[in-house]
Amino acid sequence: MAAITLSVSTVKPLADRVFVKVSASEEKTAGGILLPDTAKEKPQIGEVIQVGPGKRNDDGTRQAPEVKVGDKVLYSKYAGTDVKLSNDEYVLLSEKDILAVVS
């Protein structure tokens, strides 16, 4: 079997999928207490890196995605598929799992 090398530029989401780079998790609490790795929560904010062409409607046309590359988004906690590429964490999720665009 041939080995496949993945990079951010080679991943192209299909349909209404969005490829998001996960923001770094908080290292300490608001009170200044350092958190161990086991106590850190999975971040829910990230930056959109790639966007699919959009979902197909019943008549065959494509509905353009509401988010674009570069948007910071808030997404559901347990949504998507986690992907790790070259020490960076990404999540591949459906557009319906994105809750808001953060400015």
Protein backbone atom coordinates (compact mmCIF):
# COMPACT_ATOMS: atom_id res chain seq x y z
CA MET A 1 0.00 0.00 0.00
CA ALA A 2 1.33 3.47 -0.89
CA ALA A 3 1.76 6.06 1.82
CA ILE A 4 -0.30 9.23 1.51
CA THR A 5 1.05 12.53 2.74
CA LEU A 6 -1.64 14.96 3.85
CA SER A 7 -1.26 18.69 4.25
CA VAL A 8 -3.72 21.51 4.70
CA SER A 9 -3.51 22.43 1.03
CA THR A 10 -4.33 18.86 -0.11
CA VAL A 11 -7.52 18.56 1.97
CA LYS A 12 -10.59 19.73 0.02
CA PRO A 13 -13.93 19.38 1.83
CA LEU A 14 -16.92 18.04 -0.09
CA ALA A 15 -20.50 19.36 -0.16
CA ASP A 16 -21.28 21.53 2.88
CA ARG A 17 -18.21 20.45 4.88
CA VAL A 18 -15.83 22.99 6.45
CA PHE A 19 -12.17 22.41 7.48
CA VAL A 20 -11.38 24.40 10.65
CA LYS A 21 -8.06 24.96 12.46
CA VAL A 22 -8.74 24.55 16.18
CA SER A 23 -7.68 27.42 18.46
CA ALA A 24 -5.25 26.63 21.27
CA SER A 25 -6.86 25.54 24.53
CA GLU A 26 -6.52 27.64 27.65
CA GLU A 27 -3.38 26.88 29.67
CA LYS A 28 -4.69 28.42 32.90
CA THR A 29 -7.92 29.52 34.52
CA ALA A 30 -9.08 33.12 34.98
CA GLY A 31 -7.70 32.93 38.53
CA GLY A 32 -4.23 31.96 37.25
CA ILE A 33 -4.26 28.23 38.07
CA LEU A 34 -2.33 26.14 35.53
CA LEU A 35 -4.39 23.32 34.02
CA PRO A 36 -2.95 19.85 33.37
CA ASP A 37 -3.56 18.30 29.95
CA THR A 38 -6.25 15.98 31.35
CA ALA A 39 -8.33 18.90 32.68
CA LYS A 40 -8.28 21.00 29.51
CA GLU A 41 -11.53 21.20 27.60
CA LYS A 42 -11.71 20.78 23.85
CA PRO A 43 -11.81 24.28 22.28
CA GLN A 44 -14.96 25.19 20.35
CA ILE A 45 -13.53 28.14 18.40
CA GLY A 46 -11.42 27.91 15.28
CA GLU A 47 -10.50 29.52 11.98
CA VAL A 48 -11.98 28.32 8.70
CA ILE A 49 -9.16 27.02 6.46
CA GLN A 50 -11.09 25.37 3.60
CA VAL A 51 -14.77 25.40 2.56
CA GLY A 52 -16.60 22.91 0.36
CA PRO A 53 -18.63 23.99 -2.69
CA GLY A 54 -21.94 23.86 -0.80
CA LYS A 55 -24.92 21.61 -0.26
CA ARG A 56 -27.04 20.46 -3.22
CA ASN A 57 -30.67 21.56 -3.19
CA ASP A 58 -33.54 19.35 -4.37
CA ASP A 59 -33.44 20.95 -7.84
CA GLY A 60 -29.70 20.15 -8.24
CA THR A 61 -28.32 23.65 -7.69
CA ARG A 62 -25.72 24.32 -5.02
CA GLN A 63 -26.45 26.46 -1.96
CA ALA A 64 -23.34 28.54 -1.25
CA PRO A 65 -21.87 28.16 2.26
CA GLU A 66 -22.47 31.00 4.73
CA VAL A 67 -18.89 30.95 6.04
CA LYS A 68 -15.74 31.76 4.11
CA VAL A 69 -12.03 31.10 4.51
CA GLY A 70 -10.58 33.21 7.32
CA ASP A 71 -13.77 33.41 9.43
CA LYS A 72 -13.47 32.61 13.14
CA VAL A 73 -16.32 30.28 14.06
CA LEU A 74 -17.90 28.77 17.15
CA TYR A 75 -18.94 25.14 16.63
CA SER A 76 -20.70 22.39 18.58
CA LYS A 77 -18.61 20.69 21.25
CA TYR A 78 -18.81 17.10 19.97
CA ALA A 79 -19.23 17.84 16.27
CA GLY A 80 -17.02 16.84 13.39
CA THR A 81 -13.99 14.64 12.86
CA ASP A 82 -10.71 15.54 14.55
CA VAL A 83 -7.66 15.58 12.26
CA LYS A 84 -4.04 16.18 13.28
CA LEU A 85 -1.64 17.41 10.58
CA SER A 86 1.97 18.36 11.40
CA ASN A 87 1.38 19.11 15.11
CA ASP A 88 -1.68 21.29 14.40
CA GLU A 89 -5.22 20.21 15.24
CA TYR A 90 -8.09 20.57 12.78
CA VAL A 91 -11.72 19.53 12.71
CA LEU A 92 -13.73 18.64 9.62
CA LEU A 93 -17.37 19.45 10.22
CA SER A 94 -20.64 20.00 8.47
CA GLU A 95 -21.79 23.59 8.08
CA LYS A 96 -24.87 22.86 10.19
CA ASP A 97 -22.56 22.21 13.19
CA ILE A 98 -21.27 25.80 13.08
CA LEU A 99 -23.18 27.86 15.61
CA ALA A 100 -21.86 31.38 14.98
CA VAL A 101 -19.23 33.52 13.29
CA VAL A 102 -17.09 35.27 15.92
CA SER A 103 -15.83 38.77 15.16
